[in-house]
Every structure is written in structure tokens, then in C-alpha cells.
């Protein structure tokens, strides 16, 4: 099949960027989208030109690093699919494909299709962990957890931190990512001791880098793991509860 690629090229964060057009002829429809870029880069290197910089690691839809905006959609046209899982057979033969980096203030461009997503790391550092000492590993059945709670926690834990939710959101909000990382800890018994401090710290850090959620729902549609926006409701509810709880405790101390 034949494709025309319009690829965003930008040598650095302070340098103006531009689109570069490449004709890709007789490529296999069984290629993944990242393999298409491997083929393009092999050609560019053979011509003595600079290859296109893009993130990738596992290529199995697990690591979340394959962040490309494809024809205006994070990870491309297929729902529940990361860029590395998108195959060319899902695209029309002869199509022109525009490929850009994530467009969000919280994800500054480093080079070409590579963006800095370290703001996500700062949200995790703010509260996405458990510090309560647990001693030796308990027996698997020692802590009873209702199945619906365990299932919900696992659904939230499926987040791979790719940032598609931010890229898709008109406000550049990171509520879905933050909510997923908050919920998978705070739904389980092990996460209860730090639940109320966790939500405040994570939300405050999130608000330093990203916009506010206004329930567009684009984040859920773009998420390669199809994480529900219901977790945003949980995050918002617990944040309000934590604020009221903290005020009550402050009043008691006063």
C-alpha cells in the first residue's frame, strides 16, 4: 500500500517547527505504525538526513511511550489501541496521514514527536504510592477485598501513563490520568491510611501543570486502555471530602 506522511519536525524546544512530507510506497499493510517510521528513518539515514525522533519502548501497548497524534487523534483512529498496536491495514490505501506530537502545555516538545511528560512523574511523586509499612508479604487471601472493588482497582491500574487523555482534552487536563493513579491505590485496603493526604497532594501537583476538567469526555474516548471517566468523579468526590476533613481537623487543633 501507499501512504503520504506529513510529519512534524522540530529540532528543539526553542526552534520553530514545520511539517515534512514523505511518500511511502509499497509498504506492507501488516506493518505497525511504528514500523512504518522505522522504515522512514532507515531511508533518511541512508540519504544522510536526520531521522525522525519518536518515543517507543515495549511496542506491546504496555509502556505508553508511543505517543503520536495521528490525523488529529491520539494514537490514531482505532479505539482502545496504542500507536504501536495500530497496523497500516486500518488506514485507507493512498491516504495522507498527518503525524504530530502531543499538543499540551504540560507536555513541552523536546524534538520532533518527542515531548517531555515528566509532569506525570511529579504527580506520582506527590502521592501515587503507599508508604505504610507492611512487614512480610501477607497470604493472598488474608485481606478480604470484594470482587467489585478489586475489579475497579484493576481497571484503574490499567493506565499506562501515555498522556493521550491530556492530548485529546480541549483544556489539556490530566484528570483521567491522575484519577486512575489515585483510584487504583485508594480503592484497596492498603491505600486507606494515606487516602486523604494522597488526593490533596496529587490534585495540587496536577493543577500546577495542566488545565481543568470540564467533562468533555474526550479523554475516555482517546485512552488506549479505555479507562472510564467515572474515576474522575471519584477523584473529585474524595478531594472535596479531604478538604472538609482537613478543615475539621484544623478546627479541632485550634
C-alpha atoms as a PDB file:
ATOM      1  CA  UNK A   1       0.000   0.000   0.000  1.00  0.00           C
ATOM      2  CA  UNK A   2       0.989   3.637  -0.493  1.00  0.00           C
ATOM      3  CA  UNK A   3       0.806   6.409   2.119  1.00  0.00           C
ATOM      4  CA  UNK A   4       1.805  10.055   2.265  1.00  0.00           C
ATOM      5  CA  UNK A   5       3.210  11.117   5.647  1.00  0.00           C
ATOM      6  CA  UNK A   6       3.120  14.721   6.842  1.00  0.00           C
ATOM      7  CA  UNK A   7       5.442  14.585   9.843  1.00  0.00           C
ATOM      8  CA  UNK A   8       6.109  17.369  12.341  1.00  0.00           C
ATOM      9  CA  UNK A   9       9.813  18.211  12.523  1.00  0.00           C
ATOM     10  CA  UNK A  10      11.267  20.444  15.233  1.00  0.00           C
ATOM     11  CA  UNK A  11      14.957  20.448  16.082  1.00  0.00           C
ATOM     12  CA  UNK A  12      14.445  21.681  19.655  1.00  0.00           C
ATOM     13  CA  UNK A  13      12.014  23.318  22.040  1.00  0.00           C
ATOM     14  CA  UNK A  14      13.091  26.847  21.125  1.00  0.00           C
ATOM     15  CA  UNK A  15      13.213  26.279  17.360  1.00  0.00           C
ATOM     16  CA  UNK A  16      10.179  26.806  15.074  1.00  0.00           C
ATOM     17  CA  UNK A  17       8.775  23.570  13.698  1.00  0.00           C
ATOM     18  CA  UNK A  18       7.351  22.596  10.316  1.00  0.00           C
ATOM     19  CA  UNK A  19       5.716  19.702   8.502  1.00  0.00           C
ATOM     20  CA  UNK A  20       7.818  17.478   6.271  1.00  0.00           C
ATOM     21  CA  UNK A  21       6.207  15.319   3.584  1.00  0.00           C
ATOM     22  CA  UNK A  22       7.358  11.785   2.775  1.00  0.00           C
ATOM     23  CA  UNK A  23       5.940   9.406   0.189  1.00  0.00           C
ATOM     24  CA  UNK A  24       5.886   5.828   1.493  1.00  0.00           C
ATOM     25  CA  UNK A  25       5.435   3.400  -1.393  1.00  0.00           C
ATOM     26  CA  UNK A  26       4.734  -0.349  -1.345  1.00  0.00           C
ATOM     27  CA  UNK A  27       4.704  -0.669   2.435  1.00  0.00           C
ATOM     28  CA  UNK A  28       3.204  -3.796   3.949  1.00  0.00           C
ATOM     29  CA  UNK A  29      -0.316  -3.422   5.372  1.00  0.00           C
ATOM     30  CA  UNK A  30       0.790  -5.747   8.178  1.00  0.00           C
ATOM     31  CA  UNK A  31       3.338  -3.194   9.453  1.00  0.00           C
ATOM     32  CA  UNK A  32       2.638  -1.435  12.695  1.00  0.00           C
ATOM     33  CA  UNK A  33       2.646   2.362  12.606  1.00  0.00           C
ATOM     34  CA  UNK A  34       5.978   2.435  14.440  1.00  0.00           C
ATOM     35  CA  UNK A  35       7.476   0.025  11.915  1.00  0.00           C
ATOM     36  CA  UNK A  36       6.432   2.493   9.222  1.00  0.00           C
ATOM     37  CA  UNK A  37       8.531   5.110  10.987  1.00  0.00           C
ATOM     38  CA  UNK A  38      11.407   2.645  11.292  1.00  0.00           C
ATOM     39  CA  UNK A  39      11.267   2.248   7.519  1.00  0.00           C
ATOM     40  CA  UNK A  40      11.164   6.014   7.030  1.00  0.00           C
ATOM     41  CA  UNK A  41      14.136   6.551   9.335  1.00  0.00           C
ATOM     42  CA  UNK A  42      16.196   3.866   7.577  1.00  0.00           C
ATOM     43  CA  UNK A  43      15.633   5.733   4.335  1.00  0.00           C
ATOM     44  CA  UNK A  44      16.516   9.103   5.878  1.00  0.00           C
ATOM     45  CA  UNK A  45      19.726   7.727   7.396  1.00  0.00           C
ATOM     46  CA  UNK A  46      20.693   6.138   4.067  1.00  0.00           C
ATOM     47  CA  UNK A  47      20.214   9.566   2.455  1.00  0.00           C
ATOM     48  CA  UNK A  48      22.402  11.212   5.087  1.00  0.00           C
ATOM     49  CA  UNK A  49      19.473  13.048   6.648  1.00  0.00           C
ATOM     50  CA  UNK A  50      18.342  13.344  10.269  1.00  0.00           C
ATOM     51  CA  UNK A  51      15.877  10.610  11.300  1.00  0.00           C
ATOM     52  CA  UNK A  52      12.557  11.486  12.905  1.00  0.00           C
ATOM     53  CA  UNK A  53      12.748  11.392  16.706  1.00  0.00           C
ATOM     54  CA  UNK A  54       9.872   9.486  18.323  1.00  0.00           C
ATOM     55  CA  UNK A  55       9.335   7.637  21.596  1.00  0.00           C
ATOM     56  CA  UNK A  56       8.983   3.866  21.784  1.00  0.00           C
ATOM     57  CA  UNK A  57       9.896   1.016  24.090  1.00  0.00           C
ATOM     58  CA  UNK A  58       7.857  -2.154  24.556  1.00  0.00           C
ATOM     59  CA  UNK A  59       5.816  -1.949  21.314  1.00  0.00           C
ATOM     60  CA  UNK A  60       3.165  -4.090  23.006  1.00  0.00           C
ATOM     61  CA  UNK A  61       0.777  -1.420  24.275  1.00  0.00           C
ATOM     62  CA  UNK A  62       2.184  -1.577  27.801  1.00  0.00           C
ATOM     63  CA  UNK A  63       4.750   1.200  28.300  1.00  0.00           C
ATOM     64  CA  UNK A  64       2.716   4.135  26.967  1.00  0.00           C
ATOM     65  CA  UNK A  65       5.672   5.853  25.319  1.00  0.00           C
ATOM     66  CA  UNK A  66       4.479   5.605  21.675  1.00  0.00           C
ATOM     67  CA  UNK A  67       2.715   8.955  21.797  1.00  0.00           C
ATOM     68  CA  UNK A  68       1.754  10.234  18.349  1.00  0.00           C
ATOM     69  CA  UNK A  69      -1.136  12.414  17.253  1.00  0.00           C
ATOM     70  CA  UNK A  70      -2.343  10.760  14.037  1.00  0.00           C
ATOM     71  CA  UNK A  71      -4.728  12.812  11.888  1.00  0.00           C
ATOM     72  CA  UNK A  72      -5.701  14.815  14.938  1.00  0.00           C
ATOM     73  CA  UNK A  73      -6.384  11.819  17.185  1.00  0.00           C
ATOM     74  CA  UNK A  74      -4.080  10.482  19.912  1.00  0.00           C
ATOM     75  CA  UNK A  75      -2.784   7.047  18.868  1.00  0.00           C
ATOM     76  CA  UNK A  76      -4.852   7.147  15.664  1.00  0.00           C
ATOM     77  CA  UNK A  77      -8.342   6.112  14.529  1.00  0.00           C
ATOM     78  CA  UNK A  78      -8.718   2.817  16.411  1.00  0.00           C
ATOM     79  CA  UNK A  79     -10.281   2.910  19.891  1.00  0.00           C
ATOM     80  CA  UNK A  80      -8.514   1.066  22.699  1.00  0.00           C
ATOM     81  CA  UNK A  81      -5.280   0.956  20.698  1.00  0.00           C
ATOM     82  CA  UNK A  82      -1.843   2.466  21.323  1.00  0.00           C
ATOM     83  CA  UNK A  83       0.205   3.748  18.379  1.00  0.00           C
ATOM     84  CA  UNK A  84       2.418   0.666  18.428  1.00  0.00           C
ATOM     85  CA  UNK A  85      -0.688  -1.548  18.087  1.00  0.00           C
ATOM     86  CA  UNK A  86      -2.084   0.358  15.099  1.00  0.00           C
ATOM     87  CA  UNK A  87      -1.477  -1.550  11.852  1.00  0.00           C
ATOM     88  CA  UNK A  88      -1.407   0.058   8.430  1.00  0.00           C
ATOM     89  CA  UNK A  89      -4.279  -2.137   7.223  1.00  0.00           C
ATOM     90  CA  UNK A  90      -6.539   0.006   9.424  1.00  0.00           C
ATOM     91  CA  UNK A  91      -5.690   3.026   7.245  1.00  0.00           C
ATOM     92  CA  UNK A  92      -7.009   3.652   3.719  1.00  0.00           C
ATOM     93  CA  UNK A  93      -4.590   2.946   0.889  1.00  0.00           C
ATOM     94  CA  UNK A  94      -3.308   6.172  -0.680  1.00  0.00           C
ATOM     95  CA  UNK A  95      -4.230   8.280   2.344  1.00  0.00           C
ATOM     96  CA  UNK A  96      -2.343  11.319   3.583  1.00  0.00           C
ATOM     97  CA  UNK A  97      -1.503  10.880   7.276  1.00  0.00           C
ATOM     98  CA  UNK A  98      -0.569  13.869   9.436  1.00  0.00           C
ATOM     99  CA  UNK A  99       1.574  12.954  12.447  1.00  0.00           C
ATOM    100  CA  UNK A 100       2.218  15.407  15.288  1.00  0.00           C
ATOM    101  CA  UNK A 101       3.462  15.288  18.893  1.00  0.00           C
ATOM    102  CA  UNK A 102       1.088  15.647  21.840  1.00  0.00           C
ATOM    103  CA  UNK A 103      -0.188  19.222  21.890  1.00  0.00           C
ATOM    104  CA  UNK A 104      -0.474  20.319  25.532  1.00  0.00           C
ATOM    105  CA  UNK A 105       1.177  22.999  27.649  1.00  0.00           C
ATOM    106  CA  UNK A 106       2.027  20.359  30.248  1.00  0.00           C
ATOM    107  CA  UNK A 107       3.965  18.351  27.623  1.00  0.00           C
ATOM    108  CA  UNK A 108       6.601  20.695  26.117  1.00  0.00           C
ATOM    109  CA  UNK A 109       8.190  19.463  22.905  1.00  0.00           C
ATOM    110  CA  UNK A 110      11.744  18.150  23.139  1.00  0.00           C
ATOM    111  CA  UNK A 111      12.276  17.270  19.483  1.00  0.00           C
ATOM    112  CA  UNK A 112      10.095  16.213  16.541  1.00  0.00           C
ATOM    113  CA  UNK A 113       7.472  13.845  18.004  1.00  0.00           C
ATOM    114  CA  UNK A 114       9.074  13.583  21.463  1.00  0.00           C
ATOM    115  CA  UNK A 115       7.547  15.527  24.356  1.00  0.00           C
ATOM    116  CA  UNK A 116       8.529  15.936  27.996  1.00  0.00           C
ATOM    117  CA  UNK A 117       5.975  14.062  30.137  1.00  0.00           C
ATOM    118  CA  UNK A 118       7.840  14.423  33.411  1.00  0.00           C
ATOM    119  CA  UNK A 119       4.872  16.347  34.850  1.00  0.00           C
ATOM    120  CA  UNK A 120       3.181  12.945  35.150  1.00  0.00           C
ATOM    121  CA  UNK A 121       6.149  11.743  37.210  1.00  0.00           C
ATOM    122  CA  UNK A 122       5.725  14.710  39.546  1.00  0.00           C
ATOM    123  CA  UNK A 123       2.071  13.810  40.124  1.00  0.00           C
ATOM    124  CA  UNK A 124       3.103  10.278  41.072  1.00  0.00           C
ATOM    125  CA  UNK A 125       5.851  11.618  43.328  1.00  0.00           C
ATOM    126  CA  UNK A 126       3.253  13.781  45.071  1.00  0.00           C
ATOM    127  CA  UNK A 127       1.147  10.843  46.218  1.00  0.00           C
ATOM    128  CA  UNK A 128       0.959   7.924  43.820  1.00  0.00           C
ATOM    129  CA  UNK A 129       2.491   5.427  46.225  1.00  0.00           C
ATOM    130  CA  UNK A 130       1.945   3.673  49.571  1.00  0.00           C
ATOM    131  CA  UNK A 131       4.388   4.207  52.428  1.00  0.00           C
ATOM    132  CA  UNK A 132       2.636   2.308  55.223  1.00  0.00           C
ATOM    133  CA  UNK A 133       4.995  -0.440  56.470  1.00  0.00           C
ATOM    134  CA  UNK A 134       3.500  -3.830  55.702  1.00  0.00           C
ATOM    135  CA  UNK A 135       6.144  -6.217  57.025  1.00  0.00           C
ATOM    136  CA  UNK A 136       6.481  -9.505  55.195  1.00  0.00           C
ATOM    137  CA  UNK A 137       4.178 -10.334  52.310  1.00  0.00           C
ATOM    138  CA  UNK A 138       0.781 -11.498  53.650  1.00  0.00           C
ATOM    139  CA  UNK A 139      -1.041 -14.525  52.362  1.00  0.00           C
ATOM    140  CA  UNK A 140      -3.004 -13.716  49.211  1.00  0.00           C
ATOM    141  CA  UNK A 141      -6.351 -14.434  50.873  1.00  0.00           C
ATOM    142  CA  UNK A 142      -5.577 -12.810  54.221  1.00  0.00           C
ATOM    143  CA  UNK A 143      -7.003  -9.371  53.279  1.00  0.00           C
ATOM    144  CA  UNK A 144     -10.575  -9.780  52.082  1.00  0.00           C
ATOM    145  CA  UNK A 145     -11.422  -7.486  49.166  1.00  0.00           C
ATOM    146  CA  UNK A 146     -14.857  -7.523  47.479  1.00  0.00           C
ATOM    147  CA  UNK A 147     -14.601  -8.578  43.842  1.00  0.00           C
ATOM    148  CA  UNK A 148     -16.209  -5.395  42.530  1.00  0.00           C
ATOM    149  CA  UNK A 149     -13.628  -3.305  44.422  1.00  0.00           C
ATOM    150  CA  UNK A 150     -10.729  -5.412  43.161  1.00  0.00           C
ATOM    151  CA  UNK A 151     -12.073  -5.206  39.597  1.00  0.00           C
ATOM    152  CA  UNK A 152     -12.416  -1.415  39.799  1.00  0.00           C
ATOM    153  CA  UNK A 153      -8.874  -1.072  41.166  1.00  0.00           C
ATOM    154  CA  UNK A 154      -7.522  -3.230  38.344  1.00  0.00           C
ATOM    155  CA  UNK A 155      -9.430  -1.173  35.763  1.00  0.00           C
ATOM    156  CA  UNK A 156      -7.766   1.985  37.107  1.00  0.00           C
ATOM    157  CA  UNK A 157      -4.348   0.314  37.302  1.00  0.00           C
ATOM    158  CA  UNK A 158      -4.548  -0.395  33.557  1.00  0.00           C
ATOM    159  CA  UNK A 159      -3.476   3.225  32.897  1.00  0.00           C
ATOM    160  CA  UNK A 160      -0.129   3.220  31.060  1.00  0.00           C
ATOM    161  CA  UNK A 161       0.525   6.943  31.526  1.00  0.00           C
ATOM    162  CA  UNK A 162       0.797   7.681  27.816  1.00  0.00           C
ATOM    163  CA  UNK A 163      -0.810  11.118  28.034  1.00  0.00           C
ATOM    164  CA  UNK A 164      -3.418  10.581  25.308  1.00  0.00           C
ATOM    165  CA  UNK A 165      -6.067  11.893  27.705  1.00  0.00           C
ATOM    166  CA  UNK A 166      -4.213  15.205  28.023  1.00  0.00           C
ATOM    167  CA  UNK A 167      -3.572  15.451  24.286  1.00  0.00           C
ATOM    168  CA  UNK A 168      -7.251  14.847  23.483  1.00  0.00           C
ATOM    169  CA  UNK A 169      -8.661  17.227  26.105  1.00  0.00           C
ATOM    170  CA  UNK A 170      -9.535  20.735  24.807  1.00  0.00           C
ATOM    171  CA  UNK A 171      -8.340  22.073  28.179  1.00  0.00           C
ATOM    172  CA  UNK A 172      -5.156  19.997  28.329  1.00  0.00           C
ATOM    173  CA  UNK A 173      -6.414  18.459  31.587  1.00  0.00           C
ATOM    174  CA  UNK A 174      -4.835  15.448  33.296  1.00  0.00           C
ATOM    175  CA  UNK A 175      -7.773  14.413  35.469  1.00  0.00           C
ATOM    176  CA  UNK A 176      -8.169  10.963  33.927  1.00  0.00           C
ATOM    177  CA  UNK A 177      -4.510  10.058  34.452  1.00  0.00           C
ATOM    178  CA  UNK A 178      -4.479  11.438  37.996  1.00  0.00           C
ATOM    179  CA  UNK A 179      -7.803   9.806  38.841  1.00  0.00           C
ATOM    180  CA  UNK A 180      -6.635   6.402  37.604  1.00  0.00           C
ATOM    181  CA  UNK A 181      -3.355   6.570  39.523  1.00  0.00           C
ATOM    182  CA  UNK A 182      -5.204   7.764  42.632  1.00  0.00           C
ATOM    183  CA  UNK A 183      -8.044   5.242  42.430  1.00  0.00           C
ATOM    184  CA  UNK A 184      -6.046   2.057  41.976  1.00  0.00           C
ATOM    185  CA  UNK A 185      -4.362   2.727  45.335  1.00  0.00           C
ATOM    186  CA  UNK A 186      -7.207   4.317  47.255  1.00  0.00           C
ATOM    187  CA  UNK A 187      -9.840   1.690  46.448  1.00  0.00           C
ATOM    188  CA  UNK A 188      -7.819  -1.044  48.157  1.00  0.00           C
ATOM    189  CA  UNK A 189      -7.333  -1.547  51.923  1.00  0.00           C
ATOM    190  CA  UNK A 190      -3.590  -0.986  51.656  1.00  0.00           C
ATOM    191  CA  UNK A 191      -4.157   2.535  50.364  1.00  0.00           C
ATOM    192  CA  UNK A 192      -6.532   3.731  53.077  1.00  0.00           C
ATOM    193  CA  UNK A 193      -4.052   5.147  55.653  1.00  0.00           C
ATOM    194  CA  UNK A 194      -2.875   7.854  53.209  1.00  0.00           C
ATOM    195  CA  UNK A 195      -6.057   8.257  51.188  1.00  0.00           C
ATOM    196  CA  UNK A 196      -6.947  11.805  52.201  1.00  0.00           C
ATOM    197  CA  UNK A 197      -3.445  13.251  52.054  1.00  0.00           C
ATOM    198  CA  UNK A 198      -2.813  11.424  48.767  1.00  0.00           C
ATOM    199  CA  UNK A 199      -5.725  13.004  46.919  1.00  0.00           C
ATOM    200  CA  UNK A 200      -4.864  16.546  48.009  1.00  0.00           C
ATOM    201  CA  UNK A 201      -1.188  16.220  47.091  1.00  0.00           C
ATOM    202  CA  UNK A 202      -1.845  14.651  43.701  1.00  0.00           C
ATOM    203  CA  UNK A 203      -4.545  17.148  42.704  1.00  0.00           C
ATOM    204  CA  UNK A 204      -2.455  20.137  43.763  1.00  0.00           C
ATOM    205  CA  UNK A 205       0.525  18.895  41.774  1.00  0.00           C
ATOM    206  CA  UNK A 206      -1.691  18.173  38.775  1.00  0.00           C
ATOM    207  CA  UNK A 207      -3.076  21.699  38.832  1.00  0.00           C
ATOM    208  CA  UNK A 208       0.454  23.124  38.591  1.00  0.00           C
ATOM    209  CA  UNK A 209       0.954  21.696  35.102  1.00  0.00           C
ATOM    210  CA  UNK A 210      -2.399  21.018  33.475  1.00  0.00           C
ATOM    211  CA  UNK A 211      -5.763  22.608  32.744  1.00  0.00           C
ATOM    212  CA  UNK A 212      -9.058  21.910  34.471  1.00  0.00           C
ATOM    213  CA  UNK A 213     -11.555  19.211  33.546  1.00  0.00           C
ATOM    214  CA  UNK A 214     -14.916  20.393  32.169  1.00  0.00           C
ATOM    215  CA  UNK A 215     -16.304  16.936  31.313  1.00  0.00           C
ATOM    216  CA  UNK A 216     -15.790  16.924  27.558  1.00  0.00           C
ATOM    217  CA  UNK A 217     -15.215  13.163  27.732  1.00  0.00           C
ATOM    218  CA  UNK A 218     -12.533  13.216  25.025  1.00  0.00           C
ATOM    219  CA  UNK A 219     -10.061  11.643  27.456  1.00  0.00           C
ATOM    220  CA  UNK A 220     -12.023   8.411  27.795  1.00  0.00           C
ATOM    221  CA  UNK A 221     -12.511   8.168  24.024  1.00  0.00           C
ATOM    222  CA  UNK A 222      -8.762   8.613  23.386  1.00  0.00           C
ATOM    223  CA  UNK A 223      -7.483   6.348  26.167  1.00  0.00           C
ATOM    224  CA  UNK A 224      -5.862   3.196  24.704  1.00  0.00           C
ATOM    225  CA  UNK A 225      -6.977   1.295  27.820  1.00  0.00           C
ATOM    226  CA  UNK A 226     -10.497   2.801  27.716  1.00  0.00           C
ATOM    227  CA  UNK A 227     -10.377   3.944  31.336  1.00  0.00           C
ATOM    228  CA  UNK A 228     -13.720   5.331  32.465  1.00  0.00           C
ATOM    229  CA  UNK A 229     -14.279   8.960  33.422  1.00  0.00           C
ATOM    230  CA  UNK A 230     -16.128   7.571  36.445  1.00  0.00           C
ATOM    231  CA  UNK A 231     -12.740   7.626  38.158  1.00  0.00           C
ATOM    232  CA  UNK A 232     -12.668  11.413  37.744  1.00  0.00           C
ATOM    233  CA  UNK A 233     -15.902  11.574  39.742  1.00  0.00           C
ATOM    234  CA  UNK A 234     -14.239   9.505  42.483  1.00  0.00           C
ATOM    235  CA  UNK A 235     -11.214  11.813  42.478  1.00  0.00           C
ATOM    236  CA  UNK A 236     -13.356  14.945  42.705  1.00  0.00           C
ATOM    237  CA  UNK A 237     -15.530  13.499  45.472  1.00  0.00           C
ATOM    238  CA  UNK A 238     -12.569  12.421  47.568  1.00  0.00           C
ATOM    239  CA  UNK A 239     -10.819  15.756  47.033  1.00  0.00           C
ATOM    240  CA  UNK A 240     -13.846  17.632  48.416  1.00  0.00           C
ATOM    241  CA  UNK A 241     -14.116  15.195  51.320  1.00  0.00           C
ATOM    242  CA  UNK A 242     -10.415  15.586  52.093  1.00  0.00           C
ATOM    243  CA  UNK A 243     -10.684  19.377  52.134  1.00  0.00           C
ATOM    244  CA  UNK A 244     -13.637  19.271  54.549  1.00  0.00           C
ATOM    245  CA  UNK A 245     -11.882  16.687  56.693  1.00  0.00           C
ATOM    246  CA  UNK A 246      -8.706  18.773  56.844  1.00  0.00           C
ATOM    247  CA  UNK A 247     -10.664  21.869  57.860  1.00  0.00           C
ATOM    248  CA  UNK A 248     -12.418  19.935  60.611  1.00  0.00           C
ATOM    249  CA  UNK A 249      -9.125  18.642  61.929  1.00  0.00           C
ATOM    250  CA  UNK A 250      -7.625  22.130  61.817  1.00  0.00           C
ATOM    251  CA  UNK A 251     -10.602  23.413  63.813  1.00  0.00           C
ATOM    252  CA  UNK A 252     -10.143  20.735  66.438  1.00  0.00           C
ATOM    253  CA  UNK A 253      -6.478  21.638  66.830  1.00  0.00           C
ATOM    254  CA  UNK A 254      -7.370  25.328  67.104  1.00  0.00           C
END
